[in-house]
Structures are given as C-alpha cells and as structure tokens.
C-alpha cells in the first residue's frame, strides 16, 4: 500500500455550516499556498452566491475554477461519472501524485437528521478538497 500527502496543506481546517462549501474549499487551497487573505470563506464567492440568490449558495466547478484562476491556479474540470470506482480512485491519486490538491464534487443525500435519500443526492451536492491518500 502506498501513501501520499501533499507538500502543502491548509494552515487550519475550518468547521463549515450548511452552505459555502465552495468558499471553504477555496480558502483551504489558498491557505495551503499562503494566499489566503483572512476573509471569511463565503467572501471568496461571487456576490450573488453569497446572498443565496443563485443556486442557494452552491458553487459550480466552473465558478470554483474561475476564482482559483484569479489567484494563479490552473484547475481543470474533469468528469469521472462514467468511470468505475477503481478508475475514480486512480484518477484522484494521479493528481495527488503530481502534488495537486483535488476538489471533489459529490452528491449529498443525507439530511440533518442523518436519513439518506437518493432523490436528495441527485440535487444537493457538496465540495471537499483532498490532500493525500
């Protein structure tokens, strides 16, 4: 079994509330590269998203990529929906082996009470950053 931890890591891991996972992901990456200016994670998101007017605070991969680009990061968007579970894991490991953090968008089918719903999973998503394996 092999292990990989990225050379850079966020300075701290912040507890996130119900929204703004995209902002927290951006802040974590910027923090790892000493580019975080101390603002609240939601302040990294466009104004309409901070006001919950668009997508109830959800950040799309394109929005995240464009924001990171402003800080000098190239963050290509890759879809792995049609890959097997092993191929998905290998795709993530391949990027981590290049010392690139990975942002993963996944369905979130769990309610606040811990009940799972396939319907909920299909329209509620969550972003996380991966820093090693």
C-alpha atoms as a PDB file:
ATOM      1  CA  UNK A   1       0.000   0.000   0.000  1.00  0.00           C
ATOM      2  CA  UNK A   2       1.357   3.424  -0.913  1.00  0.00           C
ATOM      3  CA  UNK A   3       0.759   6.741   0.802  1.00  0.00           C
ATOM      4  CA  UNK A   4       0.942  10.312  -0.434  1.00  0.00           C
ATOM      5  CA  UNK A   5       0.498  13.536   1.498  1.00  0.00           C
ATOM      6  CA  UNK A   6       0.829  16.795  -0.421  1.00  0.00           C
ATOM      7  CA  UNK A   7       3.741  19.094   0.343  1.00  0.00           C
ATOM      8  CA  UNK A   8       1.346  21.961   1.019  1.00  0.00           C
ATOM      9  CA  UNK A   9      -1.679  21.746   3.292  1.00  0.00           C
ATOM     10  CA  UNK A  10      -4.193  24.271   4.646  1.00  0.00           C
ATOM     11  CA  UNK A  11      -2.987  26.161   7.705  1.00  0.00           C
ATOM     12  CA  UNK A  12      -6.143  25.112   9.553  1.00  0.00           C
ATOM     13  CA  UNK A  13      -9.285  23.112   8.929  1.00  0.00           C
ATOM     14  CA  UNK A  14     -12.394  25.182   9.487  1.00  0.00           C
ATOM     15  CA  UNK A  15     -15.768  23.785  10.519  1.00  0.00           C
ATOM     16  CA  UNK A  16     -18.321  24.523   7.835  1.00  0.00           C
ATOM     17  CA  UNK A  17     -22.015  25.172   8.263  1.00  0.00           C
ATOM     18  CA  UNK A  18     -24.870  24.396   5.898  1.00  0.00           C
ATOM     19  CA  UNK A  19     -23.593  26.408   2.917  1.00  0.00           C
ATOM     20  CA  UNK A  20     -20.470  27.754   1.246  1.00  0.00           C
ATOM     21  CA  UNK A  21     -18.505  24.514   0.848  1.00  0.00           C
ATOM     22  CA  UNK A  22     -17.034  26.086  -2.290  1.00  0.00           C
ATOM     23  CA  UNK A  23     -15.760  29.058  -0.308  1.00  0.00           C
ATOM     24  CA  UNK A  24     -14.272  26.784   2.343  1.00  0.00           C
ATOM     25  CA  UNK A  25     -12.583  24.718  -0.369  1.00  0.00           C
ATOM     26  CA  UNK A  26     -11.134  27.837  -1.988  1.00  0.00           C
ATOM     27  CA  UNK A  27      -9.944  29.184   1.372  1.00  0.00           C
ATOM     28  CA  UNK A  28      -8.256  25.859   2.190  1.00  0.00           C
ATOM     29  CA  UNK A  29      -6.337  25.806  -1.080  1.00  0.00           C
ATOM     30  CA  UNK A  30      -5.332  29.459  -0.813  1.00  0.00           C
ATOM     31  CA  UNK A  31      -4.262  28.890   2.793  1.00  0.00           C
ATOM     32  CA  UNK A  32      -2.027  25.977   1.758  1.00  0.00           C
ATOM     33  CA  UNK A  33      -0.186  28.248  -0.662  1.00  0.00           C
ATOM     34  CA  UNK A  34      -0.067  31.299   1.672  1.00  0.00           C
ATOM     35  CA  UNK A  35      -2.543  33.221  -0.497  1.00  0.00           C
ATOM     36  CA  UNK A  36      -5.487  33.421   1.917  1.00  0.00           C
ATOM     37  CA  UNK A  37      -6.046  37.000   2.992  1.00  0.00           C
ATOM     38  CA  UNK A  38      -8.042  36.078   6.106  1.00  0.00           C
ATOM     39  CA  UNK A  39     -11.544  36.751   4.802  1.00  0.00           C
ATOM     40  CA  UNK A  40     -14.483  34.510   5.665  1.00  0.00           C
ATOM     41  CA  UNK A  41     -14.785  31.611   3.170  1.00  0.00           C
ATOM     42  CA  UNK A  42     -18.106  32.856   1.750  1.00  0.00           C
ATOM     43  CA  UNK A  43     -16.408  36.147   0.834  1.00  0.00           C
ATOM     44  CA  UNK A  44     -14.415  34.288  -1.826  1.00  0.00           C
ATOM     45  CA  UNK A  45     -17.647  33.526  -3.679  1.00  0.00           C
ATOM     46  CA  UNK A  46     -19.368  35.867  -6.142  1.00  0.00           C
ATOM     47  CA  UNK A  47     -21.850  38.316  -4.576  1.00  0.00           C
ATOM     48  CA  UNK A  48     -25.000  36.624  -5.903  1.00  0.00           C
ATOM     49  CA  UNK A  49     -23.957  33.331  -4.330  1.00  0.00           C
ATOM     50  CA  UNK A  50     -23.101  34.982  -1.008  1.00  0.00           C
ATOM     51  CA  UNK A  51     -26.625  36.417  -0.975  1.00  0.00           C
ATOM     52  CA  UNK A  52     -28.084  32.970  -1.814  1.00  0.00           C
ATOM     53  CA  UNK A  53     -29.812  34.378  -4.889  1.00  0.00           C
ATOM     54  CA  UNK A  54     -28.250  31.854  -7.242  1.00  0.00           C
ATOM     55  CA  UNK A  55     -28.133  28.117  -6.540  1.00  0.00           C
ATOM     56  CA  UNK A  56     -28.819  28.555  -2.804  1.00  0.00           C
ATOM     57  CA  UNK A  57     -25.116  29.184  -2.157  1.00  0.00           C
ATOM     58  CA  UNK A  58     -23.882  26.264  -4.239  1.00  0.00           C
ATOM     59  CA  UNK A  59     -20.720  26.851  -6.221  1.00  0.00           C
ATOM     60  CA  UNK A  60     -20.320  25.121  -9.545  1.00  0.00           C
ATOM     61  CA  UNK A  61     -16.977  23.621 -10.622  1.00  0.00           C
ATOM     62  CA  UNK A  62     -16.656  26.393 -13.231  1.00  0.00           C
ATOM     63  CA  UNK A  63     -17.139  29.110 -10.573  1.00  0.00           C
ATOM     64  CA  UNK A  64     -14.506  27.499  -8.328  1.00  0.00           C
ATOM     65  CA  UNK A  65     -12.101  27.103 -11.260  1.00  0.00           C
ATOM     66  CA  UNK A  66     -12.533  30.744 -12.308  1.00  0.00           C
ATOM     67  CA  UNK A  67     -11.969  32.046  -8.784  1.00  0.00           C
ATOM     68  CA  UNK A  68      -8.823  29.943  -8.345  1.00  0.00           C
ATOM     69  CA  UNK A  69      -7.595  31.138 -11.748  1.00  0.00           C
ATOM     70  CA  UNK A  70      -7.641  34.711 -10.389  1.00  0.00           C
ATOM     71  CA  UNK A  71      -5.088  33.546  -7.800  1.00  0.00           C
ATOM     72  CA  UNK A  72      -2.868  31.890 -10.408  1.00  0.00           C
ATOM     73  CA  UNK A  73      -4.120  28.301 -10.243  1.00  0.00           C
ATOM     74  CA  UNK A  74      -4.992  26.220 -13.272  1.00  0.00           C
ATOM     75  CA  UNK A  75      -7.754  23.913 -12.118  1.00  0.00           C
ATOM     76  CA  UNK A  76      -9.090  21.795 -14.951  1.00  0.00           C
ATOM     77  CA  UNK A  77     -12.517  20.256 -14.512  1.00  0.00           C
ATOM     78  CA  UNK A  78     -12.646  16.504 -15.031  1.00  0.00           C
ATOM     79  CA  UNK A  79     -15.759  14.357 -15.005  1.00  0.00           C
ATOM     80  CA  UNK A  80     -15.438  10.831 -13.669  1.00  0.00           C
ATOM     81  CA  UNK A  81     -19.121   9.868 -13.548  1.00  0.00           C
ATOM     82  CA  UNK A  82     -18.719   7.116 -16.124  1.00  0.00           C
ATOM     83  CA  UNK A  83     -15.610   5.561 -14.569  1.00  0.00           C
ATOM     84  CA  UNK A  84     -15.580   2.535 -12.298  1.00  0.00           C
ATOM     85  CA  UNK A  85     -14.926   3.151  -8.594  1.00  0.00           C
ATOM     86  CA  UNK A  86     -11.314   1.965  -9.013  1.00  0.00           C
ATOM     87  CA  UNK A  87     -10.801   4.253 -12.006  1.00  0.00           C
ATOM     88  CA  UNK A  88     -12.183   7.181  -9.999  1.00  0.00           C
ATOM     89  CA  UNK A  89      -9.738   6.484  -7.181  1.00  0.00           C
ATOM     90  CA  UNK A  90      -6.837   6.144  -9.618  1.00  0.00           C
ATOM     91  CA  UNK A  91      -7.787   9.454 -11.264  1.00  0.00           C
ATOM     92  CA  UNK A  92      -7.676  11.205  -7.875  1.00  0.00           C
ATOM     93  CA  UNK A  93      -4.395   9.525  -6.935  1.00  0.00           C
ATOM     94  CA  UNK A  94      -2.840  10.541 -10.263  1.00  0.00           C
ATOM     95  CA  UNK A  95      -3.460  14.235  -9.485  1.00  0.00           C
ATOM     96  CA  UNK A  96      -2.284  13.886  -5.893  1.00  0.00           C
ATOM     97  CA  UNK A  97       0.897  12.183  -7.134  1.00  0.00           C
ATOM     98  CA  UNK A  98       1.553  15.395  -9.118  1.00  0.00           C
ATOM     99  CA  UNK A  99       1.265  17.265  -5.787  1.00  0.00           C
ATOM    100  CA  UNK A 100      -2.062  18.834  -6.836  1.00  0.00           C
ATOM    101  CA  UNK A 101      -4.911  19.073  -4.321  1.00  0.00           C
ATOM    102  CA  UNK A 102      -8.136  17.642  -5.704  1.00  0.00           C
ATOM    103  CA  UNK A 103     -11.533  19.262  -5.337  1.00  0.00           C
ATOM    104  CA  UNK A 104     -14.270  16.665  -5.386  1.00  0.00           C
ATOM    105  CA  UNK A 105     -17.919  17.461  -6.098  1.00  0.00           C
ATOM    106  CA  UNK A 106     -20.213  14.729  -4.821  1.00  0.00           C
ATOM    107  CA  UNK A 107     -23.876  14.140  -4.224  1.00  0.00           C
ATOM    108  CA  UNK A 108     -25.009  14.605  -0.641  1.00  0.00           C
ATOM    109  CA  UNK A 109     -28.055  12.509   0.104  1.00  0.00           C
ATOM    110  CA  UNK A 110     -28.074  12.923   3.888  1.00  0.00           C
ATOM    111  CA  UNK A 111     -30.464  15.154   5.791  1.00  0.00           C
ATOM    112  CA  UNK A 112     -29.562  16.957   9.026  1.00  0.00           C
ATOM    113  CA  UNK A 113     -31.160  14.043  10.889  1.00  0.00           C
ATOM    114  CA  UNK A 114     -28.912  11.508   9.131  1.00  0.00           C
ATOM    115  CA  UNK A 115     -31.516   9.989   6.817  1.00  0.00           C
ATOM    116  CA  UNK A 116     -30.328   9.128   3.295  1.00  0.00           C
ATOM    117  CA  UNK A 117     -32.336   9.861   0.148  1.00  0.00           C
ATOM    118  CA  UNK A 118     -31.357   9.067  -3.453  1.00  0.00           C
ATOM    119  CA  UNK A 119     -33.588  11.934  -4.576  1.00  0.00           C
ATOM    120  CA  UNK A 120     -31.783  14.374  -2.294  1.00  0.00           C
ATOM    121  CA  UNK A 121     -28.421  13.050  -3.526  1.00  0.00           C
ATOM    122  CA  UNK A 122     -29.369  13.882  -7.108  1.00  0.00           C
ATOM    123  CA  UNK A 123     -29.875  17.603  -6.491  1.00  0.00           C
ATOM    124  CA  UNK A 124     -27.785  18.509  -3.421  1.00  0.00           C
ATOM    125  CA  UNK A 125     -24.031  18.421  -3.774  1.00  0.00           C
ATOM    126  CA  UNK A 126     -21.004  19.054  -1.610  1.00  0.00           C
ATOM    127  CA  UNK A 127     -17.414  20.092  -2.380  1.00  0.00           C
ATOM    128  CA  UNK A 128     -14.395  18.792  -0.474  1.00  0.00           C
ATOM    129  CA  UNK A 129     -10.665  19.054  -1.027  1.00  0.00           C
ATOM    130  CA  UNK A 130      -8.390  16.014  -0.925  1.00  0.00           C
ATOM    131  CA  UNK A 131      -4.790  16.396   0.284  1.00  0.00           C
ATOM    132  CA  UNK A 132      -3.481  12.854   0.318  1.00  0.00           C
ATOM    133  CA  UNK A 133      -4.140   9.131   0.355  1.00  0.00           C
END
